Structure formats: structure tokens, C-alpha cells
Amino acid sequence: MDVLVCGAQKPFVYGGAEQHQENLVAAFRAAGHPAELVRLPVAWEKDRLFDSPLAWRMVPADADLVVATNFPSYFVRHPRKVVWLFHQHRGAYELADAAFSDIGMDDPSFEAQRRLAEWDARALGEAAKLFTTSQTVADRLARFNGLTGEPLYHPPPLAERLHSGPTGDYLFCATRLEHNKRPEKVLQAALGSAHGVRAVVAGRGTLAGELEQLAASGTPGQVELPGFVDDDTVVDLYARSLGVVYAPLDEDYGYATLQAFLSGKPVITATDSGGVLEFVEDGVTGYVTDGSPEQLAAAADRLAADPEHAAAMGAEGRRRVEAWDWPAVVERLVAGAGGA
């Protein structure tokens, strides 16, 4: 089948959603389906929130199958539309009134929320099949829109290259340096460690300056912020780490968790980290903390004090996710539209 994968993108921002869309196109092609990626720019601001959904309604999607992904690409119209929902406009739903959302507790915001929920329910309800990237996303969909989504898990980027290595002395995380990702949690775990655990946080974002200031409060070499690093370096940093700290705010899915597991490393996270908690089992594949600097540091010290247990938790994490593959995902998406 000719397949169009539809996705929205904030100009000059590249992260997990963009990698997900590109990997999905590659998976369709590997399965023998001609596939293309169609993206339209999106604006998150309240006053421009409905412009991109309207644009998607006018896109001529000439293909046998359309797979829509993140907000607002699922507004595309097609008789065989399957939605694999990454997320909706979170700033208008569960993150309304957050510091980084311009939708708050005022009357214009309430009207925008009401209209968006109505529009989303209609556009998502058109789908021949509605998948979500995680149970967390499915739960939000049920809560806010009364729709049922089926979780469909998939491998993270670099899945075929990630491998285990010797247990090191540092905590690692590759992530965007933005508020919702809470990269400062990695630094807090290291800076509070009694065992001298170090931290390496790779990525770029608006919080880079703040993180550099926080890093300066520790001893030299305790925290490294290398910025963007290439894939080879990411694979190596995962392989040689003690473990991974990944404690974002109510994450949709969380590639860092799965990349850690495929590298045989345990994950330290927080009770409010959303989709990460679908994979991290406390004391089995990592540690679930309350997200405070004290508990994060204590978890880091537990890993450092018992590297054999840390390695065992990482191995269990790998066992749980290593069988996931893209051909199974493609098969489910095609079946969702009624087959070939």
C-alpha cells in the first residue's frame, strides 16, 4: 500500500516525535510499502492554536493508508485513517496552567480548551483504529475525550546498536534540556551523592544555562554537559554508565528509558513521570523515587553501592523490551485500517 505518515513539527525543534515519524516511514518501506512523511508546522500559542488543525483538514492525502501521529496531524481527512497518537496538545489538557503553557484558568483559556476537546474528539473519532504510544496516553485520551486508544509499544531510536558494557561511575541521560524533561534531576542525583557518583547529560535546550550554573555548584568533573553528541557517542555513554536517571514530568513514552534497558542499565525515575512508570519497576528494573533531590541521590548511591544488583536490574530491563520490533508495529497499523 502507498502510505502517508502525517506529523506536525514545531519549526527548529527536533526530538523524539520527529525520530519516531522517520523510523515509522523506514519501517513501512522495509515491509515493502511505499511510504512518505508529510509534516506541517504547528504553533502552540493559544491565539494560533486552531490554525494548523484547519490546515490539516485541507491537505490532499492521496494514499491507500494514512497514519497520523501527533497533534494536530490527526485532523487530516482520509477514509482509511489510522491514528497512532503520540500526544495531544498537552498544554491545553493535563498541563494547562503549567509555567510553560499560555493556557491557564481564565475564561478565554477555558473556551479554547472546550473547543479543542470538541475538535479532537471529532478528528480522533474518525479513525478506523486508534492506537496510542503508551497506556499513559490512552488514559489521558479516555479522561479528556471519552475515547479508547490501544497502546502500541515500539523500539527506540538506535535500538539495533545499543549494547551493554562495564558498569561505570556516572549516571547518564540523553534528553532535550527543557522544563518538562526536568534534566536537573540527573544533576541533583549526582550532586547529592555520598559515593561520588558523576552525571553526564547530553542534549540541547533552553535550560542549558541554568544547568551549567547548577553544575558549577559541585566539584570539578562531577557533572558533564557535552551538549549535542553523535549517535556513536550516545551508544558508548549508555554502555559505560552506572545507570540512567530519567524523571520527566508525566512523559508520554520515554525513549531514554528503553535505550537504557537495551544498554543493560537500570533507570532511576519519579512517581509523576508518566509513561516511564510502565517500564520501570521499583527494585526490579530500576528505582522509583518521589523525585526529590534526596531520594534521587539515595537511589544513585544504591546503584553505586551494589553494582551487581544494578547490572541485574539492567539485564531484566533488557529482557522485557528486546523482542519489540518494527515489523510487528507495521503489521498492527495495517491491520487497523482493515488490512492490505
Foldseek 3Di string as FASTA:
>chain_A
DEEEEEDEDAPPDDDQVNVVSVVLCVLCVVVPYRYDYDYDYADLALVCHCVVLVVLCPDPDPGPEYEYEEPPNLSHDDQLYEYAYLAYSVCLAVVPCPPPHPQHDDDSSVVSSVVVLVSVLVSQVSHLAAAYQFVLRQVRCCVRNVDGHHHDHFAGPCLVPAAAAAEAQEAEDEDAPDQQFPPVLRVLLQQPAPVNRAYEYEEYYDCVVVVVVSVVVHDPPRYHYPYHDDPVVVRVPLRHYLAYETEGAQHSADNRLNSNLSHQFAYEYEPRRHNSVVQHDDLQQAHYYNSDSVRSNVRSNVSVVCVVSRSRSSPRSNVVPSPGHSNVVVVVSQVSSPHD
